Amino acid sequence: MRAVSAAEANRQFSHLLRRVRSGHRFLVTSHGHPVAKLVPVDDGDTVAPLARSALVGRLESTPVVDVGTWTRDGLYERS
């Protein structure tokens, strides 16, 4: 896996995606620290369905809270 800076990834995003499509993998860094991976999508990937199932289960078990009526102005009101 080749490391690329976030700035380089930003400048060469289309090129990196073409390389990822052909099987290459990249580690994106910011100030020398890893922050993301660009990897090919695995058709047998089970993470997304499991994550979706966990999220739906958590949402179904969370009680609904009445927070009253919101207005657009109220949402953007500055303190």
N, C-alpha and C. Protein backbone atom coordinates (compact mmCIF):
# COMPACT_ATOMS: atom_id res chain seq x y z
N MET A 1 0.86 -1.17 0.00
CA MET A 1 0.00 0.00 0.00
C MET A 1 0.91 1.23 0.00
N ARG A 2 0.72 2.08 -0.97
CA ARG A 2 1.54 3.28 -1.09
C ARG A 2 0.90 4.44 -0.34
N ALA A 3 1.70 5.19 0.42
CA ALA A 3 1.21 6.36 1.15
C ALA A 3 1.22 7.57 0.23
N VAL A 4 0.14 8.36 0.30
CA VAL A 4 0.06 9.63 -0.42
C VAL A 4 -0.47 10.68 0.53
N SER A 5 0.02 11.90 0.39
CA SER A 5 -0.47 12.97 1.25
C SER A 5 -1.89 13.36 0.82
N ALA A 6 -2.63 13.96 1.72
CA ALA A 6 -3.99 14.40 1.40
C ALA A 6 -3.95 15.41 0.26
N ALA A 7 -2.95 16.28 0.25
CA ALA A 7 -2.83 17.27 -0.83
C ALA A 7 -2.61 16.59 -2.17
N GLU A 8 -1.73 15.60 -2.20
CA GLU A 8 -1.47 14.86 -3.44
C GLU A 8 -2.72 14.10 -3.87
N ALA A 9 -3.41 13.47 -2.92
CA ALA A 9 -4.63 12.73 -3.23
C ALA A 9 -5.68 13.68 -3.81
N ASN A 10 -5.76 14.89 -3.28
CA ASN A 10 -6.70 15.87 -3.78
C ASN A 10 -6.37 16.27 -5.22
N ARG A 11 -5.10 16.51 -5.49
CA ARG A 11 -4.67 16.92 -6.83
C ARG A 11 -4.81 15.80 -7.85
N GLN A 12 -4.61 14.56 -7.45
CA GLN A 12 -4.57 13.44 -8.39
C GLN A 12 -5.70 12.43 -8.16
N PHE A 13 -6.83 12.90 -7.66
CA PHE A 13 -7.90 11.98 -7.27
C PHE A 13 -8.35 11.07 -8.41
N SER A 14 -8.60 11.64 -9.58
CA SER A 14 -9.06 10.81 -10.71
C SER A 14 -8.02 9.75 -11.06
N HIS A 15 -6.76 10.14 -11.08
CA HIS A 15 -5.68 9.20 -11.38
C HIS A 15 -5.63 8.08 -10.33
N LEU A 16 -5.74 8.46 -9.06
CA LEU A 16 -5.71 7.46 -7.99
C LEU A 16 -6.89 6.50 -8.11
N LEU A 17 -8.07 7.02 -8.45
CA LEU A 17 -9.24 6.15 -8.60
C LEU A 17 -9.05 5.15 -9.74
N ARG A 18 -8.45 5.60 -10.83
CA ARG A 18 -8.17 4.67 -11.93
C ARG A 18 -7.22 3.56 -11.46
N ARG A 19 -6.22 3.93 -10.68
CA ARG A 19 -5.28 2.93 -10.18
C ARG A 19 -5.94 1.99 -9.18
N VAL A 20 -6.82 2.54 -8.33
CA VAL A 20 -7.56 1.70 -7.38
C VAL A 20 -8.44 0.71 -8.14
N ARG A 21 -9.06 1.20 -9.20
CA ARG A 21 -9.92 0.32 -10.02
C ARG A 21 -9.13 -0.86 -10.56
N SER A 22 -7.83 -0.64 -10.81
CA SER A 22 -7.01 -1.73 -11.34
C SER A 22 -6.33 -2.54 -10.23
N GLY A 23 -6.71 -2.28 -8.95
CA GLY A 23 -6.24 -3.13 -7.87
C GLY A 23 -5.25 -2.51 -6.90
N HIS A 24 -4.76 -1.29 -7.18
CA HIS A 24 -3.81 -0.66 -6.28
C HIS A 24 -4.52 -0.16 -5.01
N ARG A 25 -3.74 0.02 -3.96
CA ARG A 25 -4.27 0.50 -2.67
C ARG A 25 -3.41 1.66 -2.20
N PHE A 26 -4.03 2.67 -1.59
CA PHE A 26 -3.31 3.85 -1.12
C PHE A 26 -3.72 4.18 0.31
N LEU A 27 -2.74 4.65 1.07
CA LEU A 27 -2.96 5.15 2.42
C LEU A 27 -2.83 6.66 2.35
N VAL A 28 -3.88 7.38 2.67
CA VAL A 28 -3.87 8.84 2.62
C VAL A 28 -3.45 9.36 3.99
N THR A 29 -2.47 10.27 3.98
CA THR A 29 -1.95 10.83 5.23
C THR A 29 -2.18 12.33 5.29
N SER A 30 -2.29 12.83 6.49
CA SER A 30 -2.37 14.27 6.74
C SER A 30 -1.34 14.60 7.80
N HIS A 31 -0.41 15.45 7.45
CA HIS A 31 0.70 15.80 8.35
C HIS A 31 1.42 14.55 8.86
N GLY A 32 1.56 13.57 7.96
CA GLY A 32 2.29 12.35 8.29
C GLY A 32 1.50 11.29 9.04
N HIS A 33 0.24 11.57 9.35
CA HIS A 33 -0.59 10.61 10.09
C HIS A 33 -1.62 9.99 9.15
N PRO A 34 -1.80 8.67 9.20
CA PRO A 34 -2.80 8.02 8.34
C PRO A 34 -4.21 8.49 8.69
N VAL A 35 -5.00 8.83 7.67
CA VAL A 35 -6.37 9.27 7.90
C VAL A 35 -7.41 8.51 7.08
N ALA A 36 -6.98 7.87 5.98
CA ALA A 36 -7.95 7.17 5.13
C ALA A 36 -7.22 6.16 4.25
N LYS A 37 -8.00 5.23 3.71
CA LYS A 37 -7.48 4.28 2.74
C LYS A 37 -8.31 4.36 1.48
N LEU A 38 -7.64 4.28 0.34
CA LEU A 38 -8.33 4.14 -0.94
C LEU A 38 -8.05 2.72 -1.39
N VAL A 39 -9.08 1.90 -1.38
CA VAL A 39 -8.92 0.48 -1.72
C VAL A 39 -10.06 0.07 -2.65
N PRO A 40 -9.84 -0.94 -3.47
CA PRO A 40 -10.92 -1.42 -4.34
C PRO A 40 -12.09 -1.95 -3.50
N VAL A 41 -13.28 -1.78 -4.02
CA VAL A 41 -14.46 -2.32 -3.36
C VAL A 41 -14.46 -3.82 -3.57
N ASP A 42 -14.69 -4.54 -2.50
CA ASP A 42 -14.76 -5.99 -2.56
C ASP A 42 -16.22 -6.38 -2.75
N ASP A 43 -16.52 -7.08 -3.84
CA ASP A 43 -17.90 -7.48 -4.12
C ASP A 43 -18.48 -8.35 -3.02
N GLY A 44 -17.62 -9.05 -2.29
CA GLY A 44 -18.08 -9.91 -1.20
C GLY A 44 -18.04 -9.19 0.14
N ASP A 45 -17.94 -7.87 0.11
CA ASP A 45 -17.82 -7.08 1.34
C ASP A 45 -19.07 -7.25 2.20
N THR A 46 -18.87 -7.67 3.45
CA THR A 46 -20.01 -7.86 4.36
C THR A 46 -20.10 -6.75 5.40
N VAL A 47 -19.17 -5.82 5.39
CA VAL A 47 -19.16 -4.76 6.40
C VAL A 47 -20.38 -3.86 6.27
N ALA A 48 -20.70 -3.41 5.06
CA ALA A 48 -21.83 -2.49 4.87
C ALA A 48 -23.15 -3.11 5.33
N PRO A 49 -23.49 -4.32 4.93
CA PRO A 49 -24.75 -4.89 5.41
C PRO A 49 -24.78 -5.06 6.93
N LEU A 50 -23.65 -5.45 7.52
CA LEU A 50 -23.62 -5.60 8.98
C LEU A 50 -23.75 -4.25 9.67
N ALA A 51 -23.10 -3.23 9.13
CA ALA A 51 -23.19 -1.89 9.71
C ALA A 51 -24.61 -1.37 9.60
N ARG A 52 -25.24 -1.58 8.44
CA ARG A 52 -26.62 -1.14 8.24
C ARG A 52 -27.55 -1.84 9.23
N SER A 53 -27.36 -3.12 9.40
CA SER A 53 -28.20 -3.89 10.33
C SER A 53 -28.02 -3.40 11.76
N ALA A 54 -26.78 -3.12 12.15
CA ALA A 54 -26.52 -2.62 13.50
C ALA A 54 -27.16 -1.25 13.70
N LEU A 55 -27.06 -0.38 12.69
CA LEU A 55 -27.65 0.95 12.79
C LEU A 55 -29.17 0.87 12.91
N VAL A 56 -29.79 0.06 12.07
CA VAL A 56 -31.25 -0.07 12.13
C VAL A 56 -31.68 -0.62 13.48
N GLY A 57 -30.97 -1.60 13.99
CA GLY A 57 -31.29 -2.14 15.31
C GLY A 57 -31.18 -1.10 16.40
N ARG A 58 -30.14 -0.29 16.33
CA ARG A 58 -29.95 0.76 17.35
C ARG A 58 -31.04 1.81 17.24
N LEU A 59 -31.39 2.21 16.02
CA LEU A 59 -32.45 3.21 15.83
C LEU A 59 -33.80 2.69 16.31
N GLU A 60 -34.08 1.41 16.05
CA GLU A 60 -35.35 0.84 16.48
C GLU A 60 -35.45 0.75 18.00
N SER A 61 -34.32 0.60 18.68
CA SER A 61 -34.36 0.47 20.14
C SER A 61 -34.24 1.82 20.87
N THR A 62 -34.01 2.90 20.11
CA THR A 62 -33.88 4.22 20.73
C THR A 62 -35.25 4.86 20.86
N PRO A 63 -35.59 5.34 22.05
CA PRO A 63 -36.91 5.95 22.22
C PRO A 63 -37.01 7.28 21.47
N VAL A 64 -38.21 7.58 20.99
CA VAL A 64 -38.48 8.84 20.32
C VAL A 64 -38.60 9.92 21.37
N VAL A 65 -37.94 11.05 21.12
CA VAL A 65 -37.97 12.17 22.06
C VAL A 65 -38.65 13.35 21.39
N ASP A 66 -39.65 13.91 22.05
CA ASP A 66 -40.34 15.08 21.52
C ASP A 66 -39.54 16.33 21.90
N VAL A 67 -39.00 16.99 20.90
CA VAL A 67 -38.18 18.18 21.16
C VAL A 67 -38.94 19.46 20.82
N GLY A 68 -40.21 19.33 20.57
CA GLY A 68 -41.01 20.51 20.26
C GLY A 68 -40.91 20.89 18.79
N THR A 69 -41.42 22.08 18.50
CA THR A 69 -41.43 22.56 17.12
C THR A 69 -40.18 23.36 16.84
N TRP A 70 -39.60 23.11 15.69
CA TRP A 70 -38.41 23.86 15.27
C TRP A 70 -38.80 24.75 14.10
N THR A 71 -38.17 25.89 14.06
CA THR A 71 -38.33 26.77 12.90
C THR A 71 -36.97 26.91 12.23
N ARG A 72 -37.00 27.28 10.99
CA ARG A 72 -35.74 27.50 10.27
C ARG A 72 -34.90 28.56 10.98
N ASP A 73 -35.53 29.66 11.38
CA ASP A 73 -34.80 30.73 12.08
C ASP A 73 -34.22 30.22 13.39
N GLY A 74 -34.96 29.39 14.09
CA GLY A 74 -34.49 28.86 15.36
C GLY A 74 -33.27 27.94 15.19
N LEU A 75 -33.25 27.21 14.10
CA LEU A 75 -32.12 26.33 13.85
C LEU A 75 -30.84 27.10 13.56
N TYR A 76 -31.00 28.26 12.93
CA TYR A 76 -29.82 29.05 12.54
C TYR A 76 -29.58 30.24 13.46
N GLU A 77 -30.27 30.28 14.57
CA GLU A 77 -30.11 31.39 15.51
C GLU A 77 -28.71 31.38 16.09
N ARG A 78 -28.09 32.51 16.11
CA ARG A 78 -26.74 32.64 16.66
C ARG A 78 -26.83 32.99 18.14
N SER A 79 -25.98 32.37 18.92
CA SER A 79 -25.98 32.63 20.37
C SER A 79 -25.17 33.85 20.69
